[in-house]
Amino acid sequence: MHAFNISLKATKAQSAMEYLMTYGWAILIIAIALGVLFELGLFNPSSFVSTSCIFPADFSCIFSTMYTNGTLIVNLEQSTSSPINITAIGCNSNASLTHMVSFVPNAISLQIGSNVTISGNTVTPLQCWTNNTAFSGRPGSLFKGYVLINYTDIQTGFPHTISGTVLEKVT
């Protein structure tokens, strides 16, 4: 009877070891798979967000790009009823008219249906701001804010300000 108890205990120990080895390998494979998915960016919400640049009806945003230092490049097309002069542009997270880049006295002239790529003036880049601090971010991070444009209708001479929204991934 004594030999039977030892054999039974050995069988239980072997069964327990097989159980641990089987589930150990399964847990290891799952951990490796999760690590690979994490490295591919599957768990990063910004990888699922598409960028957007939206302006009111008389303006279109053809494309926009943001760099790690917070500099924005935007291509605008205007379809107002008359030619315009863009006198200033700004980018920030709260739609305020602070930190505008001025083009006076060299306003950017746009004919009806034409477009222009703006990255700032000859001295100052178009810098995006958040909470009165120049924005900067790692590649893949998001900036959500507003692009504000001051322009003058050439036919009437009236000044206007428009605001567009931008959701941009840093490149």
Protein backbone atom coordinates (compact mmCIF):
# COMPACT_ATOMS: atom_id res chain seq x y z
CA MET A 1 0.00 0.00 0.00
CA HIS A 2 2.94 2.25 0.70
CA ALA A 3 4.31 2.00 -2.87
CA PHE A 4 0.87 2.83 -4.23
CA ASN A 5 0.79 6.15 -2.23
CA ILE A 6 4.21 7.15 -3.61
CA SER A 7 3.10 6.30 -7.16
CA LEU A 8 -0.13 8.29 -6.68
CA LYS A 9 1.79 11.29 -5.33
CA ALA A 10 4.25 11.12 -8.25
CA THR A 11 1.34 11.02 -10.71
CA LYS A 12 -0.27 14.07 -9.07
CA ALA A 13 3.07 15.95 -9.11
CA GLN A 14 3.60 15.11 -12.78
CA SER A 15 0.05 16.20 -13.60
CA ALA A 16 0.58 19.50 -11.75
CA MET A 17 3.85 20.13 -13.63
CA GLU A 18 2.20 19.43 -16.99
CA TYR A 19 -0.62 21.82 -16.05
CA LEU A 20 1.86 24.58 -15.13
CA MET A 21 3.98 24.05 -18.25
CA THR A 22 0.99 24.10 -20.59
CA TYR A 23 -0.50 27.27 -19.14
CA GLY A 24 2.96 28.83 -18.73
CA TRP A 25 3.62 28.52 -22.45
CA ALA A 26 0.16 29.88 -23.25
CA ILE A 27 0.71 32.90 -20.98
CA LEU A 28 4.16 33.50 -22.51
CA ILE A 29 2.73 33.44 -26.05
CA ILE A 30 -0.06 35.85 -25.08
CA ALA A 31 2.46 38.21 -23.44
CA ILE A 32 4.65 38.21 -26.57
CA ALA A 33 1.62 38.86 -28.80
CA LEU A 34 0.52 41.79 -26.61
CA GLY A 35 4.07 43.18 -26.65
CA VAL A 36 4.16 43.06 -30.45
CA LEU A 37 0.75 44.76 -30.73
CA PHE A 38 1.86 47.46 -28.30
CA GLU A 39 5.04 48.12 -30.32
CA LEU A 40 2.99 48.39 -33.52
CA GLY A 41 0.97 51.20 -31.90
CA LEU A 42 -2.33 49.36 -31.69
CA PHE A 43 -2.94 50.66 -28.16
CA ASN A 44 -2.14 54.30 -29.10
CA PRO A 45 -5.44 56.15 -29.69
CA SER A 46 -3.80 58.80 -31.88
CA SER A 47 -2.99 56.13 -34.47
CA PHE A 48 -6.73 55.91 -35.23
CA VAL A 49 -7.34 59.67 -35.50
CA SER A 50 -7.35 61.24 -38.94
CA THR A 51 -6.16 64.80 -39.34
CA SER A 52 -8.54 67.54 -40.39
CA CYS A 53 -8.43 71.18 -41.36
CA ILE A 54 -11.88 72.76 -41.76
CA PHE A 55 -12.75 76.37 -42.67
CA PRO A 56 -16.01 78.22 -43.33
CA ALA A 57 -17.75 77.95 -46.71
CA ASP A 58 -15.66 80.51 -48.63
CA PHE A 59 -12.33 78.87 -47.74
CA SER A 60 -10.92 75.38 -48.17
CA CYS A 61 -7.95 73.79 -46.51
CA ILE A 62 -6.19 71.78 -49.20
CA PHE A 63 -3.60 70.33 -46.80
CA SER A 64 -1.85 71.08 -43.53
CA THR A 65 1.27 69.76 -41.82
CA MET A 66 2.61 70.28 -38.30
CA TYR A 67 6.20 69.76 -37.23
CA THR A 68 7.59 68.79 -33.82
CA ASN A 69 8.48 72.41 -33.02
CA GLY A 70 4.81 73.45 -33.47
CA THR A 71 5.26 75.09 -36.86
CA LEU A 72 2.17 74.71 -39.05
CA ILE A 73 2.08 74.79 -42.83
CA VAL A 74 -1.36 75.22 -44.34
CA ASN A 75 -2.55 75.48 -47.95
CA LEU A 76 -5.70 77.59 -48.30
CA GLU A 77 -8.01 78.09 -51.23
CA GLN A 78 -10.40 81.00 -51.27
CA SER A 79 -13.70 81.13 -53.12
CA THR A 80 -15.16 84.39 -51.89
CA SER A 81 -16.93 86.66 -54.36
CA SER A 82 -13.89 88.93 -54.80
CA PRO A 83 -10.11 88.85 -54.48
CA ILE A 84 -8.69 89.19 -50.96
CA ASN A 85 -5.51 90.22 -49.17
CA ILE A 86 -4.51 88.04 -46.21
CA THR A 87 -3.07 90.42 -43.61
CA ALA A 88 -2.43 88.05 -40.67
CA ILE A 89 -2.68 84.41 -39.63
CA GLY A 90 -2.46 82.68 -36.27
CA CYS A 91 -2.74 79.23 -34.74
CA ASN A 92 -3.71 78.47 -31.14
CA SER A 93 -5.78 76.17 -28.99
CA ASN A 94 -8.34 78.74 -27.79
CA ALA A 95 -9.33 80.76 -30.91
CA SER A 96 -7.85 84.01 -29.60
CA LEU A 97 -6.26 86.61 -31.84
CA THR A 98 -3.00 86.59 -29.90
CA HIS A 99 0.29 85.51 -31.51
CA MET A 100 -0.87 86.40 -35.01
CA VAL A 101 1.77 86.48 -37.76
CA SER A 102 1.35 89.74 -39.68
CA PHE A 103 1.81 90.15 -43.43
CA VAL A 104 1.44 93.94 -43.38
CA PRO A 105 2.66 95.75 -45.46
CA ASN A 106 3.20 92.74 -47.75
CA ALA A 107 -0.27 91.16 -47.64
CA ILE A 108 -0.78 87.86 -49.45
CA SER A 109 -3.04 88.54 -52.42
CA LEU A 110 -5.45 85.77 -53.46
CA GLN A 111 -7.62 85.86 -56.55
CA ILE A 112 -10.99 84.07 -56.65
CA GLY A 113 -10.43 80.30 -56.73
CA SER A 114 -6.68 80.50 -56.12
CA ASN A 115 -4.75 78.92 -53.29
CA VAL A 116 -1.59 79.65 -51.32
CA THR A 117 0.66 77.72 -48.95
CA ILE A 118 1.33 79.68 -45.77
CA SER A 119 4.07 78.82 -43.31
CA GLY A 120 4.51 82.29 -41.79
CA ASN A 121 6.09 85.48 -43.05
CA THR A 122 9.72 86.01 -44.05
CA VAL A 123 10.74 86.49 -40.40
CA THR A 124 8.24 84.59 -38.24
CA PRO A 125 7.03 81.01 -38.81
CA LEU A 126 3.37 80.12 -38.28
CA GLN A 127 3.75 78.79 -34.73
CA CYS A 128 0.84 77.10 -32.95
CA TRP A 129 0.26 78.06 -29.32
CA THR A 130 -1.45 76.36 -26.41
CA ASN A 131 -2.06 78.18 -23.11
CA ASN A 132 0.28 81.04 -24.18
CA THR A 133 3.11 78.56 -24.70
CA ALA A 134 4.54 77.59 -28.06
CA PHE A 135 3.31 74.11 -28.87
CA SER A 136 5.80 71.30 -29.43
CA GLY A 137 5.17 67.59 -29.55
CA ARG A 138 6.60 64.19 -30.37
CA PRO A 139 5.92 62.71 -33.82
CA GLY A 140 2.45 61.15 -33.76
CA SER A 141 1.12 63.40 -30.98
CA LEU A 142 -1.96 65.51 -31.70
CA PHE A 143 -2.63 69.24 -31.79
CA LYS A 144 -6.24 70.39 -31.69
CA GLY A 145 -6.84 74.07 -32.20
CA TYR A 146 -7.84 76.92 -34.46
CA VAL A 147 -6.33 78.74 -37.41
CA LEU A 148 -7.43 82.38 -37.54
CA ILE A 149 -7.08 84.49 -40.67
CA ASN A 150 -7.42 88.24 -40.97
CA TYR A 151 -8.10 89.36 -44.52
CA THR A 152 -9.39 92.36 -46.42
CA ASP A 153 -11.86 92.20 -49.29
CA ILE A 154 -10.07 94.07 -52.10
CA GLN A 155 -13.30 95.35 -53.75
CA THR A 156 -14.95 96.69 -50.60
CA GLY A 157 -11.91 97.31 -48.39
CA PHE A 158 -13.70 95.70 -45.43
CA PRO A 159 -11.58 93.64 -43.03
CA HIS A 160 -12.74 90.16 -42.00
CA THR A 161 -11.60 87.47 -39.56
CA ILE A 162 -12.35 83.80 -40.07
CA SER A 163 -11.60 80.83 -37.87
CA GLY A 164 -10.99 77.26 -38.97
CA THR A 165 -10.40 74.18 -36.86
CA VAL A 166 -7.35 72.00 -37.19
CA LEU A 167 -6.64 68.54 -35.77
CA GLU A 168 -3.12 67.68 -36.80
CA LYS A 169 -0.69 64.86 -36.09
CA VAL A 170 2.85 66.03 -35.51
CA THR A 171 5.25 64.78 -38.20
